[in-house]
Structure formats: structure tokens, C-alpha cells
């Protein structure tokens, strides 16, 4: 499986409930899941989200058969 990642920092001034709301929105509407959240002693948070990359396999003209 391949994943794409999104990383960002959140300042300590953002409340815990606001962070939860932000991460929930990313999960529900963007298909992201939480890969890592690090809370530092100064209160800042480093967030890493990931989601699967879905690749569509292309088909060549020889793969198509006429319908009879």
C-alpha cells in the first residue's frame, strides 16, 4: 500500500477540543487518518496524517472485447 502524508504544526494556543474537531473534519471529509501526533513540553503539537493512494490501472485497447 502507498500512502500520502500531510504534516503540520499546531500552536499551544489551540484548545484540545479544537484540535479534535480539526482532525475529525480531516478524517470525515478528506479521508485522512492520524498517523502520529506528538505533544511537546512547550504545548505545541506536530501532526502527521496519512491516506491511501488508490491507483487506477489503465487498460489497453486489446483488453476490450466487442459485445456479441
PDB file of N, CA and C in Angstrom:
ATOM      1  N   UNK A   1       0.836  -1.179   0.000  1.00  0.00           N
ATOM      2  CA  UNK A   1       0.000   0.000   0.000  1.00  0.00           C
ATOM      3  C   UNK A   1       0.879   1.240   0.000  1.00  0.00           C
ATOM      4  N   UNK A   2       0.423   2.223  -0.721  1.00  0.00           N
ATOM      5  CA  UNK A   2       1.118   3.505  -0.729  1.00  0.00           C
ATOM      6  C   UNK A   2       0.246   4.534  -0.020  1.00  0.00           C
ATOM      7  N   UNK A   3       0.907   5.433   0.677  1.00  0.00           N
ATOM      8  CA  UNK A   3       0.210   6.484   1.404  1.00  0.00           C
ATOM      9  C   UNK A   3       0.745   7.848   0.997  1.00  0.00           C
ATOM     10  N   UNK A   4      -0.124   8.843   1.095  1.00  0.00           N
ATOM     11  CA  UNK A   4       0.348  10.219   1.005  1.00  0.00           C
ATOM     12  C   UNK A   4       0.219  10.803   2.410  1.00  0.00           C
ATOM     13  N   UNK A   5       1.091  11.727   2.729  1.00  0.00           N
ATOM     14  CA  UNK A   5       1.146  12.277   4.078  1.00  0.00           C
ATOM     15  C   UNK A   5       0.923  13.777   4.065  1.00  0.00           C
ATOM     16  N   UNK A   6       0.358  14.247   5.158  1.00  0.00           N
ATOM     17  CA  UNK A   6       0.175  15.680   5.372  1.00  0.00           C
ATOM     18  C   UNK A   6       0.690  15.964   6.785  1.00  0.00           C
ATOM     19  N   UNK A   7       1.617  16.886   6.888  1.00  0.00           N
ATOM     20  CA  UNK A   7       2.216  17.212   8.185  1.00  0.00           C
ATOM     21  C   UNK A   7       2.018  18.690   8.490  1.00  0.00           C
ATOM     22  N   UNK A   8       1.687  18.987   9.739  1.00  0.00           N
ATOM     23  CA  UNK A   8       1.567  20.379  10.135  1.00  0.00           C
ATOM     24  C   UNK A   8       1.748  20.512  11.642  1.00  0.00           C
ATOM     25  N   UNK A   9       2.011  21.743  12.069  1.00  0.00           N
ATOM     26  CA  UNK A   9       2.187  22.063  13.488  1.00  0.00           C
ATOM     27  C   UNK A   9       1.006  22.870  13.978  1.00  0.00           C
ATOM     28  N   UNK A  10       0.643  22.650  15.215  1.00  0.00           N
ATOM     29  CA  UNK A  10      -0.430  23.413  15.835  1.00  0.00           C
ATOM     30  C   UNK A  10       0.133  24.116  17.065  1.00  0.00           C
ATOM     31  N   UNK A  11      -0.107  25.401  17.189  1.00  0.00           N
ATOM     32  CA  UNK A  11       0.426  26.132  18.344  1.00  0.00           C
ATOM     33  C   UNK A  11      -0.292  25.746  19.632  1.00  0.00           C
ATOM     34  N   UNK A  12       0.312  26.063  20.732  1.00  0.00           N
ATOM     35  CA  UNK A  12      -0.257  25.713  22.034  1.00  0.00           C
ATOM     36  C   UNK A  12      -1.525  26.483  22.350  1.00  0.00           C
ATOM     37  N   UNK A  13      -1.800  27.545  21.613  1.00  0.00           N
ATOM     38  CA  UNK A  13      -2.992  28.367  21.883  1.00  0.00           C
ATOM     39  C   UNK A  13      -4.283  27.708  21.403  1.00  0.00           C
ATOM     40  N   UNK A  14      -4.179  26.687  20.567  1.00  0.00           N
ATOM     41  CA  UNK A  14      -5.376  25.988  20.086  1.00  0.00           C
ATOM     42  C   UNK A  14      -5.785  24.955  21.136  1.00  0.00           C
ATOM     43  N   UNK A  15      -7.067  24.987  21.504  1.00  0.00           N
ATOM     44  CA  UNK A  15      -7.551  24.097  22.560  1.00  0.00           C
ATOM     45  C   UNK A  15      -7.605  22.651  22.088  1.00  0.00           C
ATOM     46  N   UNK A  16      -7.661  21.773  23.052  1.00  0.00           N
ATOM     47  CA  UNK A  16      -7.719  20.341  22.747  1.00  0.00           C
ATOM     48  C   UNK A  16      -8.974  19.988  21.956  1.00  0.00           C
ATOM     49  N   UNK A  17     -10.095  20.592  22.305  1.00  0.00           N
ATOM     50  CA  UNK A  17     -11.345  20.312  21.591  1.00  0.00           C
ATOM     51  C   UNK A  17     -11.291  20.836  20.152  1.00  0.00           C
ATOM     52  N   UNK A  18     -10.621  21.959  19.937  1.00  0.00           N
ATOM     53  CA  UNK A  18     -10.487  22.497  18.580  1.00  0.00           C
ATOM     54  C   UNK A  18      -9.593  21.589  17.728  1.00  0.00           C
ATOM     55  N   UNK A  19      -8.557  21.040  18.323  1.00  0.00           N
ATOM     56  CA  UNK A  19      -7.684  20.103  17.608  1.00  0.00           C
ATOM     57  C   UNK A  19      -8.470  18.853  17.246  1.00  0.00           C
ATOM     58  N   UNK A  20      -9.262  18.345  18.169  1.00  0.00           N
ATOM     59  CA  UNK A  20     -10.078  17.164  17.909  1.00  0.00           C
ATOM     60  C   UNK A  20     -11.052  17.415  16.764  1.00  0.00           C
ATOM     61  N   UNK A  21     -11.685  18.582  16.769  1.00  0.00           N
ATOM     62  CA  UNK A  21     -12.622  18.954  15.709  1.00  0.00           C
ATOM     63  C   UNK A  21     -11.910  19.033  14.354  1.00  0.00           C
ATOM     64  N   UNK A  22     -10.725  19.632  14.334  1.00  0.00           N
ATOM     65  CA  UNK A  22      -9.939  19.758  13.105  1.00  0.00           C
ATOM     66  C   UNK A  22      -9.567  18.383  12.546  1.00  0.00           C
ATOM     67  N   UNK A  23      -9.092  17.493  13.403  1.00  0.00           N
ATOM     68  CA  UNK A  23      -8.703  16.159  12.965  1.00  0.00           C
ATOM     69  C   UNK A  23      -9.907  15.328  12.530  1.00  0.00           C
ATOM     70  N   UNK A  24     -11.032  15.501  13.200  1.00  0.00           N
ATOM     71  CA  UNK A  24     -12.257  14.807  12.816  1.00  0.00           C
ATOM     72  C   UNK A  24     -12.719  15.250  11.442  1.00  0.00           C
ATOM     73  N   UNK A  25     -12.661  16.542  11.164  1.00  0.00           N
ATOM     74  CA  UNK A  25     -13.049  17.052   9.842  1.00  0.00           C
ATOM     75  C   UNK A  25     -12.142  16.502   8.749  1.00  0.00           C
ATOM     76  N   UNK A  26     -10.846  16.461   9.003  1.00  0.00           N
ATOM     77  CA  UNK A  26      -9.912  15.902   8.022  1.00  0.00           C
ATOM     78  C   UNK A  26     -10.227  14.425   7.755  1.00  0.00           C
ATOM     79  N   UNK A  27     -10.598  13.708   8.796  1.00  0.00           N
ATOM     80  CA  UNK A  27     -10.896  12.284   8.646  1.00  0.00           C
ATOM     81  C   UNK A  27     -12.203  12.063   7.891  1.00  0.00           C
ATOM     82  N   UNK A  28     -13.240  12.812   8.256  1.00  0.00           N
ATOM     83  CA  UNK A  28     -14.552  12.602   7.650  1.00  0.00           C
ATOM     84  C   UNK A  28     -14.627  13.081   6.211  1.00  0.00           C
ATOM     85  N   UNK A  29     -14.083  14.239   5.940  1.00  0.00           N
ATOM     86  CA  UNK A  29     -14.269  14.844   4.621  1.00  0.00           C
ATOM     87  C   UNK A  29     -13.080  14.652   3.684  1.00  0.00           C
ATOM     88  N   UNK A  30     -11.919  14.348   4.220  1.00  0.00           N
ATOM     89  CA  UNK A  30     -10.744  14.192   3.371  1.00  0.00           C
ATOM     90  C   UNK A  30     -10.218  12.779   3.287  1.00  0.00           C
ATOM     91  N   UNK A  31     -10.740  11.890   4.132  1.00  0.00           N
ATOM     92  CA  UNK A  31     -10.276  10.509   4.114  1.00  0.00           C
ATOM     93  C   UNK A  31      -8.937  10.307   4.796  1.00  0.00           C
ATOM     94  N   UNK A  32      -8.511  11.233   5.638  1.00  0.00           N
ATOM     95  CA  UNK A  32      -7.228  11.135   6.320  1.00  0.00           C
ATOM     96  C   UNK A  32      -7.384  10.351   7.612  1.00  0.00           C
ATOM     97  N   UNK A  33      -6.301   9.702   8.024  1.00  0.00           N
ATOM     98  CA  UNK A  33      -6.251   9.064   9.334  1.00  0.00           C
ATOM     99  C   UNK A  33      -5.008   9.556  10.061  1.00  0.00           C
ATOM    100  N   UNK A  34      -5.082   9.538  11.372  1.00  0.00           N
ATOM    101  CA  UNK A  34      -3.981  10.031  12.186  1.00  0.00           C
ATOM    102  C   UNK A  34      -2.854   9.004  12.202  1.00  0.00           C
ATOM    103  N   UNK A  35      -1.693   9.400  11.720  1.00  0.00           N
ATOM    104  CA  UNK A  35      -0.525   8.522  11.730  1.00  0.00           C
ATOM    105  C   UNK A  35       0.313   8.780  12.978  1.00  0.00           C
ATOM    106  N   UNK A  36       0.458  10.058  13.353  1.00  0.00           N
ATOM    107  CA  UNK A  36       1.259  10.405  14.524  1.00  0.00           C
ATOM    108  C   UNK A  36       0.853  11.782  15.034  1.00  0.00           C
ATOM    109  N   UNK A  37       0.805  11.903  16.335  1.00  0.00           N
ATOM    110  CA  UNK A  37       0.608  13.201  16.972  1.00  0.00           C
ATOM    111  C   UNK A  37       1.615  13.288  18.104  1.00  0.00           C
ATOM    112  N   UNK A  38       2.455  14.297  18.060  1.00  0.00           N
ATOM    113  CA  UNK A  38       3.461  14.483  19.103  1.00  0.00           C
ATOM    114  C   UNK A  38       3.148  15.764  19.859  1.00  0.00           C
ATOM    115  N   UNK A  39       3.082  15.652  21.164  1.00  0.00           N
ATOM    116  CA  UNK A  39       2.845  16.802  22.034  1.00  0.00           C
ATOM    117  C   UNK A  39       4.167  17.131  22.713  1.00  0.00           C
ATOM    118  N   UNK A  40       4.631  18.352  22.521  1.00  0.00           N
ATOM    119  CA  UNK A  40       5.914  18.779  23.071  1.00  0.00           C
ATOM    120  C   UNK A  40       5.727  19.481  24.407  1.00  0.00           C
ATOM    121  N   UNK A  41       6.779  19.545  25.223  1.00  0.00           N
ATOM    122  CA  UNK A  41       6.679  20.169  26.551  1.00  0.00           C
ATOM    123  C   UNK A  41       6.192  21.624  26.521  1.00  0.00           C
ATOM    124  N   UNK A  42       6.467  22.339  25.430  1.00  0.00           N
ATOM    125  CA  UNK A  42       6.011  23.730  25.365  1.00  0.00           C
ATOM    126  C   UNK A  42       4.543  23.847  24.931  1.00  0.00           C
ATOM    127  N   UNK A  43       3.877  22.701  24.653  1.00  0.00           N
ATOM    128  CA  UNK A  43       2.456  22.705  24.316  1.00  0.00           C
ATOM    129  C   UNK A  43       2.149  22.627  22.825  1.00  0.00           C
ATOM    130  N   UNK A  44       3.145  22.757  21.975  1.00  0.00           N
ATOM    131  CA  UNK A  44       2.884  22.660  20.548  1.00  0.00           C
ATOM    132  C   UNK A  44       2.659  21.193  20.168  1.00  0.00           C
ATOM    133  N   UNK A  45       1.932  21.008  19.080  1.00  0.00           N
ATOM    134  CA  UNK A  45       1.640  19.663  18.586  1.00  0.00           C
ATOM    135  C   UNK A  45       2.116  19.541  17.147  1.00  0.00           C
ATOM    136  N   UNK A  46       2.764  18.425  16.842  1.00  0.00           N
ATOM    137  CA  UNK A  46       3.128  18.103  15.460  1.00  0.00           C
ATOM    138  C   UNK A  46       2.213  16.962  15.048  1.00  0.00           C
ATOM    139  N   UNK A  47       1.495  17.168  13.952  1.00  0.00           N
ATOM    140  CA  UNK A  47       0.502  16.193  13.499  1.00  0.00           C
ATOM    141  C   UNK A  47       0.941  15.625  12.160  1.00  0.00           C
ATOM    142  N   UNK A  48       0.776  14.326  12.003  1.00  0.00           N
ATOM    143  CA  UNK A  48       1.041  13.663  10.733  1.00  0.00           C
ATOM    144  C   UNK A  48      -0.189  12.827  10.384  1.00  0.00           C
ATOM    145  N   UNK A  49      -0.812  13.160   9.252  1.00  0.00           N
ATOM    146  CA  UNK A  49      -1.973  12.432   8.766  1.00  0.00           C
ATOM    147  C   UNK A  49      -1.571  11.647   7.535  1.00  0.00           C
ATOM    148  N   UNK A  50      -2.278  10.564   7.268  1.00  0.00           N
ATOM    149  CA  UNK A  50      -2.000   9.787   6.066  1.00  0.00           C
ATOM    150  C   UNK A  50      -3.309   9.291   5.460  1.00  0.00           C
ATOM    151  N   UNK A  51      -3.256   9.026   4.143  1.00  0.00           N
ATOM    152  CA  UNK A  51      -4.370   8.369   3.465  1.00  0.00           C
ATOM    153  C   UNK A  51      -3.815   7.535   2.328  1.00  0.00           C
ATOM    154  N   UNK A  52      -4.539   6.471   2.031  1.00  0.00           N
ATOM    155  CA  UNK A  52      -4.099   5.549   0.994  1.00  0.00           C
ATOM    156  C   UNK A  52      -4.207   6.185  -0.373  1.00  0.00           C
ATOM    157  N   UNK A  53      -3.233   5.886  -1.220  1.00  0.00           N
ATOM    158  CA  UNK A  53      -3.275   6.313  -2.617  1.00  0.00           C
ATOM    159  C   UNK A  53      -3.872   5.159  -3.399  1.00  0.00           C
ATOM    160  N   UNK A  54      -4.965   5.429  -4.082  1.00  0.00           N
ATOM    161  CA  UNK A  54      -5.623   4.410  -4.882  1.00  0.00           C
ATOM    162  C   UNK A  54      -5.278   4.662  -6.333  1.00  0.00           C
ATOM    163  N   UNK A  55      -4.589   3.731  -6.915  1.00  0.00           N
ATOM    164  CA  UNK A  55      -4.164   3.855  -8.308  1.00  0.00           C
ATOM    165  C   UNK A  55      -5.120   3.075  -9.193  1.00  0.00           C
ATOM    166  N   UNK A  56      -5.530   3.711 -10.279  1.00  0.00           N
ATOM    167  CA  UNK A  56      -6.388   3.057 -11.252  1.00  0.00           C
ATOM    168  C   UNK A  56      -5.506   2.516 -12.361  1.00  0.00           C
ATOM    169  N   UNK A  57      -5.618   1.241 -12.588  1.00  0.00           N
ATOM    170  CA  UNK A  57      -4.810   0.605 -13.621  1.00  0.00           C
ATOM    171  C   UNK A  57      -5.404   0.923 -14.989  1.00  0.00           C
ATOM    172  N   UNK A  58      -4.583   1.415 -15.885  1.00  0.00           N
ATOM    173  CA  UNK A  58      -5.081   1.726 -17.224  1.00  0.00           C
ATOM    174  C   UNK A  58      -5.201   0.446 -18.036  1.00  0.00           C
ATOM    175  N   UNK A  59      -6.140   0.465 -18.966  1.00  0.00           N
ATOM    176  CA  UNK A  59      -6.372  -0.709 -19.809  1.00  0.00           C
ATOM    177  C   UNK A  59      -6.026  -0.351 -21.244  1.00  0.00           C
ATOM    178  N   UNK A  60      -5.396  -1.266 -21.913  1.00  0.00           N
ATOM    179  CA  UNK A  60      -5.059  -1.035 -23.318  1.00  0.00           C
ATOM    180  C   UNK A  60      -6.247  -1.426 -24.200  1.00  0.00           C
ATOM    181  N   UNK A  61      -6.201  -1.039 -25.458  1.00  0.00           N
ATOM    182  CA  UNK A  61      -7.294  -1.313 -26.393  1.00  0.00           C
ATOM    183  C   UNK A  61      -7.508  -2.808 -26.577  1.00  0.00           C
ATOM    184  N   UNK A  62      -6.475  -3.619 -26.436  1.00  0.00           N
ATOM    185  CA  UNK A  62      -6.616  -5.063 -26.627  1.00  0.00           C
ATOM    186  C   UNK A  62      -7.379  -5.729 -25.488  1.00  0.00           C
ATOM    187  N   UNK A  63      -7.520  -5.039 -24.349  1.00  0.00           N
ATOM    188  CA  UNK A  63      -8.256  -5.584 -23.219  1.00  0.00           C
ATOM    189  C   UNK A  63      -9.762  -5.566 -23.439  1.00  0.00           C
ATOM    190  N   UNK A  64     -10.232  -4.732 -24.351  1.00  0.00           N
ATOM    191  CA  UNK A  64     -11.661  -4.592 -24.593  1.00  0.00           C
ATOM    192  C   UNK A  64     -12.104  -5.588 -25.656  1.00  0.00           C
ATOM    193  N   UNK A  65     -13.179  -6.279 -25.372  1.00  0.00           N
ATOM    194  CA  UNK A  65     -13.710  -7.250 -26.339  1.00  0.00           C
ATOM    195  C   UNK A  65     -15.058  -6.734 -26.840  1.00  0.00           C
ATOM    196  N   UNK A  66     -15.343  -6.914 -28.096  1.00  0.00           N
ATOM    197  CA  UNK A  66     -16.645  -6.466 -28.613  1.00  0.00           C
ATOM    198  C   UNK A  66     -17.772  -7.310 -28.017  1.00  0.00           C
ATOM    199  N   UNK A  67     -18.885  -6.670 -27.731  1.00  0.00           N
ATOM    200  CA  UNK A  67     -20.037  -7.377 -27.185  1.00  0.00           C
ATOM    201  C   UNK A  67     -20.794  -8.035 -28.330  1.00  0.00           C
ATOM    202  N   UNK A  68     -21.144  -9.275 -28.139  1.00  0.00           N
ATOM    203  CA  UNK A  68     -21.855 -10.032 -29.190  1.00  0.00           C
ATOM    204  C   UNK A  68     -23.257 -10.315 -28.762  1.00  0.00           C
TER     205      UNK A  68
END
